[in-house]
Amino acid sequence: DVQLVESGGGSVQAGGSLRLSCAASGFTFSGRCMAWFRQAPGKEREGVASIADTSSTDYAGSVKGRFTISTDFSKNTLFLQMNSREPEDTALYYCAAAPYEVKWYQCLLQEGRFTVWGQGTQVTVS
């Protein structure tokens, strides 16, 4: 089965740091567009950061300069390093994978491009 499992969520004080992980099974990250999305209570799900196999990245304006997306292909794991956390970052964070057909220049934060989703990990900033 194709599966994504997020971990690393929790509570952190404003200004603190947290790193989320997303482990894949049933497929490999190599050659795939991967991303993090988040959904805050009462709001629509929004893109946070994406990364293509060529290390091309895209960030939402609200997190640019504070968050960093990366991959470890040897561990088939996606990461999101979150620094300078703000209360507005409180949300359920999801990782997602796009089909192999999505090229690196198409690896943008558009939810419809992604077909495999994890269950999410909660992050609370106070």
Protein backbone atom coordinates (compact mmCIF):
# COMPACT_ATOMS: atom_id res chain seq x y z
CA ASP A 1 0.00 0.00 0.00
CA VAL A 2 1.10 3.56 -0.72
CA GLN A 3 1.21 5.45 2.54
CA LEU A 4 2.53 8.66 4.10
CA VAL A 5 2.89 8.98 7.86
CA GLU A 6 3.65 12.30 9.51
CA SER A 7 5.29 12.74 12.92
CA GLY A 8 6.95 15.39 15.04
CA GLY A 9 3.96 17.56 15.83
CA GLY A 10 3.30 18.98 19.27
CA SER A 11 3.06 22.16 21.25
CA VAL A 12 5.70 24.84 21.09
CA GLN A 13 5.97 28.37 22.34
CA ALA A 14 6.00 31.25 19.89
CA GLY A 15 9.47 31.79 18.54
CA GLY A 16 10.43 28.15 19.06
CA SER A 17 11.41 25.51 16.52
CA LEU A 18 9.95 22.18 15.49
CA ARG A 19 10.76 19.64 12.80
CA LEU A 20 8.10 17.53 11.15
CA SER A 21 8.85 14.26 9.40
CA CYS A 22 6.92 12.32 6.79
CA ALA A 23 7.84 8.71 6.07
CA ALA A 24 6.72 7.05 2.87
CA SER A 25 5.99 3.39 2.25
CA GLY A 26 4.98 1.66 -0.94
CA PHE A 27 6.78 4.16 -3.18
CA THR A 28 9.97 6.25 -3.28
CA PHE A 29 10.34 10.02 -3.09
CA SER A 30 12.91 10.10 -5.83
CA GLY A 31 11.38 11.66 -8.92
CA ARG A 32 8.30 12.90 -7.07
CA CYS A 33 7.01 16.32 -6.21
CA MET A 34 6.40 16.36 -2.44
CA ALA A 35 4.77 19.00 -0.26
CA TRP A 36 3.48 20.07 3.11
CA PHE A 37 0.03 21.53 3.56
CA ARG A 38 -1.76 22.72 6.68
CA GLN A 39 -5.29 23.37 7.84
CA ALA A 40 -6.10 25.65 10.72
CA PRO A 41 -9.41 25.37 12.58
CA GLY A 42 -12.22 26.89 10.54
CA LYS A 43 -9.97 27.56 7.54
CA GLU A 44 -9.28 25.99 4.16
CA ARG A 45 -6.26 23.75 3.72
CA GLU A 46 -3.33 25.72 2.33
CA GLY A 47 0.04 24.89 0.83
CA VAL A 48 3.12 25.47 2.97
CA ALA A 49 6.13 24.21 1.00
CA SER A 50 6.94 21.90 -1.89
CA ILE A 51 10.09 20.26 -3.20
CA ALA A 52 10.89 18.48 -6.43
CA ASP A 53 13.50 15.84 -7.07
CA THR A 54 15.87 18.50 -8.36
CA SER A 55 15.62 20.30 -5.00
CA SER A 56 13.50 23.02 -6.55
CA THR A 57 11.37 24.45 -3.76
CA ASP A 58 8.31 26.64 -3.43
CA TYR A 59 7.09 28.30 -0.24
CA ALA A 60 3.99 30.12 0.85
CA GLY A 61 4.71 33.76 1.50
CA SER A 62 3.69 33.45 5.14
CA VAL A 63 6.43 30.91 5.90
CA LYS A 64 9.21 31.97 3.54
CA GLY A 65 12.41 32.55 5.47
CA ARG A 66 11.09 30.68 8.53
CA PHE A 67 10.35 27.17 7.24
CA THR A 68 12.61 24.84 5.25
CA ILE A 69 11.49 21.76 3.33
CA SER A 70 13.98 18.98 2.64
CA THR A 71 14.18 15.30 1.80
CA ASP A 72 16.38 12.36 2.76
CA PHE A 73 16.08 9.97 -0.13
CA SER A 74 18.09 7.29 1.66
CA LYS A 75 15.39 7.20 4.36
CA ASN A 76 12.49 8.00 2.02
CA THR A 77 11.53 10.80 4.39
CA LEU A 78 10.33 14.37 3.93
CA PHE A 79 11.03 17.06 6.52
CA LEU A 80 9.71 20.49 7.42
CA GLN A 81 11.93 22.56 9.70
CA MET A 82 9.85 25.28 11.30
CA ASN A 83 11.64 28.14 13.02
CA SER A 84 10.36 31.38 14.54
CA ARG A 85 6.96 29.81 15.10
CA GLU A 86 3.96 32.11 15.32
CA PRO A 87 0.50 31.42 16.77
CA GLU A 88 -0.87 31.63 13.22
CA ASP A 89 1.14 28.48 12.42
CA THR A 90 -1.18 26.42 14.61
CA ALA A 91 -2.74 23.83 12.32
CA LEU A 92 -2.95 20.20 11.30
CA TYR A 93 0.02 19.61 8.98
CA TYR A 94 -0.19 17.12 6.11
CA CYS A 95 2.44 15.80 3.76
CA ALA A 96 1.47 14.94 0.21
CA ALA A 97 2.92 13.37 -2.93
CA ALA A 98 2.16 14.15 -6.54
CA PRO A 99 2.19 11.60 -9.36
CA TYR A 100 5.49 10.95 -11.14
CA GLU A 101 4.07 12.79 -14.19
CA VAL A 102 4.27 16.15 -12.33
CA LYS A 103 7.55 17.73 -13.44
CA TRP A 104 9.82 19.82 -11.23
CA TYR A 105 8.57 23.09 -12.79
CA GLN A 106 5.00 22.01 -12.04
CA CYS A 107 5.79 21.28 -8.39
CA LEU A 108 3.74 24.15 -6.98
CA LEU A 109 1.46 24.46 -3.98
CA GLN A 110 -1.74 23.55 -5.77
CA GLU A 111 -3.68 20.97 -3.80
CA GLY A 112 -5.18 19.30 -6.86
CA ARG A 113 -1.74 18.20 -8.09
CA PHE A 114 -1.25 15.89 -5.11
CA THR A 115 -2.81 12.44 -4.99
CA VAL A 116 -1.31 10.76 -1.92
CA TRP A 117 -1.91 12.29 1.53
CA GLY A 118 -0.93 11.50 5.08
CA GLN A 119 -3.28 11.67 8.06
CA GLY A 120 -1.72 14.81 9.48
CA THR A 121 0.15 15.83 12.61
CA GLN A 122 -1.08 18.60 14.92
CA VAL A 123 1.12 21.60 15.66
CA THR A 124 0.08 24.12 18.28
CA VAL A 125 1.92 27.38 18.89
CA SER A 126 1.11 29.39 21.98
